[in-house]
C-alpha atoms as a PDB file:
ATOM      1  CA  MET A   1     -83.604 -15.176-190.553  1.00  0.00           C
ATOM      2  CA  THR A   2     -84.681 -11.917-191.806  1.00  0.00           C
ATOM      3  CA  HIS A   3     -82.432  -9.922-194.656  1.00  0.00           C
ATOM      4  CA  GLN A   4     -80.887  -7.655-191.781  1.00  0.00           C
ATOM      5  CA  ASP A   5     -80.202 -10.826-189.896  1.00  0.00           C
ATOM      6  CA  VAL A   6     -77.697 -11.835-192.959  1.00  0.00           C
ATOM      7  CA  ALA A   7     -76.414  -8.619-193.927  1.00  0.00           C
ATOM      8  CA  ASN A   8     -75.110  -8.172-190.487  1.00  0.00           C
ATOM      9  CA  PHE A   9     -73.344 -11.574-190.571  1.00  0.00           C
ATOM     10  CA  ALA A  10     -72.163 -10.539-194.379  1.00  0.00           C
ATOM     11  CA  GLU A  11     -70.975  -7.257-192.887  1.00  0.00           C
ATOM     12  CA  SER A  12     -69.063  -9.148-189.695  1.00  0.00           C
ATOM     13  CA  TRP A  13     -67.815 -12.443-190.618  1.00  0.00           C
ATOM     14  CA  GLY A  14     -67.504 -11.267-194.773  1.00  0.00           C
ATOM     15  CA  LEU A  15     -64.753  -8.703-193.036  1.00  0.00           C
ATOM     16  CA  ALA A  16     -63.053 -11.241-191.405  1.00  0.00           C
ATOM     17  CA  PHE A  17     -63.421 -14.021-193.868  1.00  0.00           C
ATOM     18  CA  LEU A  18     -62.221 -11.698-197.392  1.00  0.00           C
ATOM     19  CA  PHE A  19     -59.232 -10.574-194.580  1.00  0.00           C
ATOM     20  CA  ILE A  20     -58.321 -13.572-193.635  1.00  0.00           C
ATOM     21  CA  MET A  21     -58.182 -14.917-197.355  1.00  0.00           C
ATOM     22  CA  PHE A  22     -56.319 -11.997-198.150  1.00  0.00           C
ATOM     23  CA  VAL A  23     -53.532 -12.752-195.618  1.00  0.00           C
ATOM     24  CA  VAL A  24     -53.531 -16.849-197.137  1.00  0.00           C
ATOM     25  CA  ALA A  25     -52.436 -15.491-200.554  1.00  0.00           C
ATOM     26  CA  VAL A  26     -49.597 -12.939-199.500  1.00  0.00           C
ATOM     27  CA  VAL A  27     -48.308 -15.493-196.988  1.00  0.00           C
ATOM     28  CA  TYR A  28     -48.366 -17.873-200.631  1.00  0.00           C
ATOM     29  CA  ALA A  29     -46.797 -15.272-203.308  1.00  0.00           C
ATOM     30  CA  TYR A  30     -43.765 -14.433-200.849  1.00  0.00           C
ATOM     31  CA  TRP A  31     -43.384 -17.836-199.623  1.00  0.00           C
ATOM     32  CA  PRO A  32     -39.933 -18.870-200.449  1.00  0.00           C
ATOM     33  CA  GLY A  33     -40.448 -22.625-201.767  1.00  0.00           C
ATOM     34  CA  TYR A  34     -42.380 -21.110-204.480  1.00  0.00           C
ATOM     35  CA  LYS A  35     -39.892 -18.100-205.887  1.00  0.00           C
ATOM     36  CA  LYS A  36     -38.494 -20.567-208.649  1.00  0.00           C
ATOM     37  CA  LYS A  37     -41.889 -21.542-209.744  1.00  0.00           C
ATOM     38  CA  PHE A  38     -43.078 -17.625-209.863  1.00  0.00           C
ATOM     39  CA  THR A  39     -40.183 -16.941-211.790  1.00  0.00           C
ATOM     40  CA  LYS A  40     -40.512 -20.170-214.063  1.00  0.00           C
ATOM     41  CA  ALA A  41     -43.845 -18.513-215.255  1.00  0.00           C
ATOM     42  CA  ALA A  42     -42.940 -15.105-215.083  1.00  0.00           C
ATOM     43  CA  SER A  43     -40.563 -15.084-217.958  1.00  0.00           C
ATOM     44  CA  ARG A  44     -42.686 -17.667-219.684  1.00  0.00           C
ATOM     45  CA  PRO A  45     -44.300 -15.057-222.156  1.00  0.00           C
ATOM     46  CA  LEU A  46     -41.120 -14.293-223.119  1.00  0.00           C
ATOM     47  CA  ASP A  47     -39.249 -17.630-223.619  1.00  0.00           C
ATOM     48  CA  GLU A  48     -39.276 -18.408-227.485  1.00  0.00           C
ATOM     49  CA  GLU A  49     -40.755 -21.828-228.048  1.00  0.00           C
END
């Protein structure tokens, strides 16, 4: 396997992998069940201890 083969593989499948991971992250962020968790995490720095 040459460097060119590895570069071609990374260009094609690497882009697909990163796109799929982006879609997974967006779905995770907007999933309705996580709203309470994210709201709590967002207000945590403002809470007085």
